[in-house]
Amino acid sequence: MKEIVIDVPLAVSCMLGGFAWPAAALGEFTSGKLVAKDSEISVSPR
């Protein structure tokens, strides 16, 4: 029979990161870090 060994600390850290990203994204959005201002976006001339 085959045996599977799971790295529990790595699995827990990945799960916590997966569950925490919506809160982190909301925090960055409300603080203004998530999006750039229009003046910071360069537009090439056409």
Protein backbone atom coordinates (compact mmCIF):
# COMPACT_ATOMS: atom_id res chain seq x y z
CA MET A 1 0.00 0.00 0.00
CA LYS A 2 1.12 3.51 -0.69
CA GLU A 3 1.39 6.04 2.09
CA ILE A 4 0.90 9.79 1.80
CA VAL A 5 2.71 12.08 4.23
CA ILE A 6 1.39 15.63 4.51
CA ASP A 7 3.58 18.49 5.73
CA VAL A 8 1.08 19.81 8.27
CA PRO A 9 2.74 23.18 9.07
CA LEU A 10 3.01 23.97 5.36
CA ALA A 11 -0.58 22.89 4.75
CA VAL A 12 -1.86 25.04 7.63
CA SER A 13 0.05 28.11 6.45
CA CYS A 14 -1.29 27.67 2.91
CA MET A 15 -4.83 27.29 4.21
CA LEU A 16 -4.57 30.39 6.40
CA GLY A 17 -3.19 32.39 3.50
CA GLY A 18 -6.02 31.19 1.31
CA PHE A 19 -8.65 32.14 3.86
CA ALA A 20 -7.06 35.50 4.71
CA TRP A 21 -6.59 37.00 1.23
CA PRO A 22 -10.10 38.50 0.92
CA ALA A 23 -9.61 40.48 4.14
CA ALA A 24 -6.15 41.60 3.02
CA ALA A 25 -7.49 42.71 -0.37
CA LEU A 26 -10.33 44.63 1.24
CA GLY A 27 -7.86 46.34 3.58
CA GLU A 28 -5.65 47.39 0.66
CA PHE A 29 -8.67 48.63 -1.29
CA THR A 30 -9.95 50.76 1.58
CA SER A 31 -6.48 52.19 2.27
CA GLY A 32 -5.93 53.06 -1.41
CA LYS A 33 -2.95 50.75 -1.97
CA LEU A 34 -4.78 48.34 -4.28
CA VAL A 35 -5.52 50.71 -7.15
CA ALA A 36 -3.36 53.39 -8.77
CA LYS A 37 -4.44 56.98 -9.31
CA ASP A 38 -5.22 58.09 -12.86
CA SER A 39 -2.21 60.44 -12.77
CA GLU A 40 0.10 57.45 -12.14
CA ILE A 41 -1.06 55.54 -15.23
CA SER A 42 0.94 56.28 -18.36
CA VAL A 43 -0.88 56.33 -21.67
CA SER A 44 1.07 56.04 -24.89
CA PRO A 45 0.19 58.54 -27.63
CA ARG A 46 -1.63 57.11 -30.63
